[in-house]
Amino acid sequence: MSFVLTDQAKVKCPHGVDAVPAGPLDPKVSIAGGQVVTANVPYKLLGVCPNKPPCTAASWQPGSANTRVLVRNQPVVLSTSLGPMVPPTNLFLVIGKTQDKVKGP
């Protein structure tokens, strides 16, 4: 089961460093007080990743966001969406606790 991702979700790189949205979110679209994340918004790390080379950011993999639900013509990101790490390592963002009120189709 997948849920719509908000900026209050607990997201980390695969090595445990917290990650947050790096771009603007629409303040008019929120769920349980958290702004909805869309596929055009990359994520940045809040600390230094211990991996060599270190993870620095992530963007959402095309096709992994929900294209049936849009915010300002951008697909919403789901708790099951894939966010490949930068630099490329074949690893993805780890999405932990998120809101559980609005499910993705």
C-alpha atoms as a PDB file:
ATOM      1  CA  MET A   1       0.000   0.000   0.000  1.00  0.00           C
ATOM      2  CA  SER A   2       1.361   3.409  -0.887  1.00  0.00           C
ATOM      3  CA  PHE A   3       0.638   6.826   0.566  1.00  0.00           C
ATOM      4  CA  VAL A   4       1.128  10.335  -0.833  1.00  0.00           C
ATOM      5  CA  LEU A   5       4.491  11.676   0.371  1.00  0.00           C
ATOM      6  CA  THR A   6       4.692  14.974   2.271  1.00  0.00           C
ATOM      7  CA  ASP A   7       7.644  17.040   3.465  1.00  0.00           C
ATOM      8  CA  GLN A   8       7.084  15.652   6.978  1.00  0.00           C
ATOM      9  CA  ALA A   9       7.952  12.090   5.933  1.00  0.00           C
ATOM     10  CA  LYS A  10      11.094  10.535   7.394  1.00  0.00           C
ATOM     11  CA  VAL A  11      13.385  10.113   4.379  1.00  0.00           C
ATOM     12  CA  LYS A  12      17.055   9.076   4.471  1.00  0.00           C
ATOM     13  CA  CYS A  13      19.843   8.060   2.154  1.00  0.00           C
ATOM     14  CA  PRO A  14      20.574   4.305   2.337  1.00  0.00           C
ATOM     15  CA  HIS A  15      23.429   5.076   4.744  1.00  0.00           C
ATOM     16  CA  GLY A  16      21.195   6.815   7.305  1.00  0.00           C
ATOM     17  CA  VAL A  17      21.578  10.550   6.585  1.00  0.00           C
ATOM     18  CA  ASP A  18      18.326  12.545   6.714  1.00  0.00           C
ATOM     19  CA  ALA A  19      17.033  13.940   3.412  1.00  0.00           C
ATOM     20  CA  VAL A  20      14.559  16.771   2.742  1.00  0.00           C
ATOM     21  CA  PRO A  21      12.948  18.369  -0.323  1.00  0.00           C
ATOM     22  CA  ALA A  22      15.408  20.718  -2.062  1.00  0.00           C
ATOM     23  CA  GLY A  23      12.854  22.689  -4.038  1.00  0.00           C
ATOM     24  CA  PRO A  24       9.700  24.653  -3.444  1.00  0.00           C
ATOM     25  CA  LEU A  25       6.471  22.827  -2.590  1.00  0.00           C
ATOM     26  CA  ASP A  26       2.969  24.155  -3.142  1.00  0.00           C
ATOM     27  CA  PRO A  27       1.851  25.589   0.246  1.00  0.00           C
ATOM     28  CA  LYS A  28      -1.795  25.272  -0.795  1.00  0.00           C
ATOM     29  CA  VAL A  29      -1.678  21.465  -1.054  1.00  0.00           C
ATOM     30  CA  SER A  30      -1.112  19.702   2.243  1.00  0.00           C
ATOM     31  CA  ILE A  31      -2.063  16.550   4.121  1.00  0.00           C
ATOM     32  CA  ALA A  32      -2.094  16.513   7.929  1.00  0.00           C
ATOM     33  CA  GLY A  33       0.004  19.695   7.974  1.00  0.00           C
ATOM     34  CA  GLY A  34       2.667  18.464   5.538  1.00  0.00           C
ATOM     35  CA  GLN A  35       3.110  19.867   2.047  1.00  0.00           C
ATOM     36  CA  VAL A  36       2.706  17.309  -0.754  1.00  0.00           C
ATOM     37  CA  VAL A  37       5.919  16.349  -2.607  1.00  0.00           C
ATOM     38  CA  THR A  38       5.837  16.289  -6.414  1.00  0.00           C
ATOM     39  CA  ALA A  39       8.103  14.460  -8.859  1.00  0.00           C
ATOM     40  CA  ASN A  40       9.911  17.613  -9.996  1.00  0.00           C
ATOM     41  CA  VAL A  41      11.302  18.316  -6.497  1.00  0.00           C
ATOM     42  CA  PRO A  42      14.696  16.706  -5.780  1.00  0.00           C
ATOM     43  CA  TYR A  43      15.895  15.787  -2.295  1.00  0.00           C
ATOM     44  CA  LYS A  44      19.102  16.919  -0.577  1.00  0.00           C
ATOM     45  CA  LEU A  45      20.918  15.436   2.400  1.00  0.00           C
ATOM     46  CA  LEU A  46      21.103  17.331   5.692  1.00  0.00           C
ATOM     47  CA  GLY A  47      24.499  15.935   6.564  1.00  0.00           C
ATOM     48  CA  VAL A  48      27.523  14.200   5.096  1.00  0.00           C
ATOM     49  CA  CYS A  49      26.977  10.654   3.921  1.00  0.00           C
ATOM     50  CA  PRO A  50      29.679   8.257   5.213  1.00  0.00           C
ATOM     51  CA  ASN A  51      29.663   6.226   1.979  1.00  0.00           C
ATOM     52  CA  LYS A  52      32.507   6.473  -0.536  1.00  0.00           C
ATOM     53  CA  PRO A  53      31.597   8.241  -2.778  1.00  0.00           C
ATOM     54  CA  PRO A  54      29.076   9.990  -0.536  1.00  0.00           C
ATOM     55  CA  CYS A  55      25.429  10.350  -1.498  1.00  0.00           C
ATOM     56  CA  THR A  56      24.601  14.020  -2.006  1.00  0.00           C
ATOM     57  CA  ALA A  57      21.069  14.173  -3.431  1.00  0.00           C
ATOM     58  CA  ALA A  58      18.288  12.242  -5.152  1.00  0.00           C
ATOM     59  CA  SER A  59      15.683  12.854  -7.823  1.00  0.00           C
ATOM     60  CA  TRP A  60      12.544  10.837  -8.431  1.00  0.00           C
ATOM     61  CA  GLN A  61      12.784   8.131 -11.071  1.00  0.00           C
ATOM     62  CA  PRO A  62      10.544   8.864 -14.069  1.00  0.00           C
ATOM     63  CA  GLY A  63       7.421   6.772 -13.920  1.00  0.00           C
ATOM     64  CA  SER A  64       7.639   6.004 -10.191  1.00  0.00           C
ATOM     65  CA  ALA A  65       5.412   8.932  -9.146  1.00  0.00           C
ATOM     66  CA  ASN A  66       1.635   8.815  -9.512  1.00  0.00           C
ATOM     67  CA  THR A  67       0.653  10.393 -12.831  1.00  0.00           C
ATOM     68  CA  ARG A  68      -3.088  10.153 -12.079  1.00  0.00           C
ATOM     69  CA  VAL A  69      -2.841  12.643  -9.189  1.00  0.00           C
ATOM     70  CA  LEU A  70      -1.280  15.992 -10.062  1.00  0.00           C
ATOM     71  CA  VAL A  71      -0.338  19.133  -8.142  1.00  0.00           C
ATOM     72  CA  ARG A  72       0.266  22.075 -10.471  1.00  0.00           C
ATOM     73  CA  ASN A  73       0.592  19.619 -13.372  1.00  0.00           C
ATOM     74  CA  GLN A  74       3.259  17.547 -11.582  1.00  0.00           C
ATOM     75  CA  PRO A  75       2.745  13.929 -10.437  1.00  0.00           C
ATOM     76  CA  VAL A  76       2.689  13.373  -6.674  1.00  0.00           C
ATOM     77  CA  VAL A  77       5.358  11.191  -5.087  1.00  0.00           C
ATOM     78  CA  LEU A  78       4.216   8.076  -3.237  1.00  0.00           C
ATOM     79  CA  SER A  79       5.787   6.201  -0.339  1.00  0.00           C
ATOM     80  CA  THR A  80       6.682   3.502  -2.903  1.00  0.00           C
ATOM     81  CA  SER A  81       8.303   5.881  -5.429  1.00  0.00           C
ATOM     82  CA  LEU A  82      11.975   5.396  -6.289  1.00  0.00           C
ATOM     83  CA  GLY A  83      14.516   8.158  -5.712  1.00  0.00           C
ATOM     84  CA  PRO A  84      17.930   7.137  -7.133  1.00  0.00           C
ATOM     85  CA  MET A  85      20.881   8.606  -5.252  1.00  0.00           C
ATOM     86  CA  VAL A  86      23.434  11.015  -6.735  1.00  0.00           C
ATOM     87  CA  PRO A  87      26.151  10.130  -7.565  1.00  0.00           C
ATOM     88  CA  PRO A  88      24.680   7.039  -9.230  1.00  0.00           C
ATOM     89  CA  THR A  89      25.153   3.993  -7.013  1.00  0.00           C
ATOM     90  CA  ASN A  90      22.116   1.782  -7.802  1.00  0.00           C
ATOM     91  CA  LEU A  91      20.813   2.770  -4.352  1.00  0.00           C
ATOM     92  CA  PHE A  92      17.618   4.675  -3.558  1.00  0.00           C
ATOM     93  CA  LEU A  93      16.176   7.001  -0.923  1.00  0.00           C
ATOM     94  CA  VAL A  94      14.694   5.139   2.031  1.00  0.00           C
ATOM     95  CA  ILE A  95      11.193   6.384   2.823  1.00  0.00           C
ATOM     96  CA  GLY A  96      10.231   5.662   6.402  1.00  0.00           C
ATOM     97  CA  LYS A  97       7.316   7.040   8.375  1.00  0.00           C
ATOM     98  CA  THR A  98       4.904   9.116   6.317  1.00  0.00           C
ATOM     99  CA  GLN A  99       1.320  10.316   6.659  1.00  0.00           C
ATOM    100  CA  ASP A 100      -1.272   7.543   6.570  1.00  0.00           C
ATOM    101  CA  LYS A 101      -4.434   9.467   5.700  1.00  0.00           C
ATOM    102  CA  VAL A 102      -4.253   9.718   1.894  1.00  0.00           C
ATOM    103  CA  LYS A 103      -3.417   6.605  -0.123  1.00  0.00           C
ATOM    104  CA  GLY A 104      -2.038   6.645  -3.621  1.00  0.00           C
ATOM    105  CA  PRO A 105      -3.982   4.898  -6.354  1.00  0.00           C
END
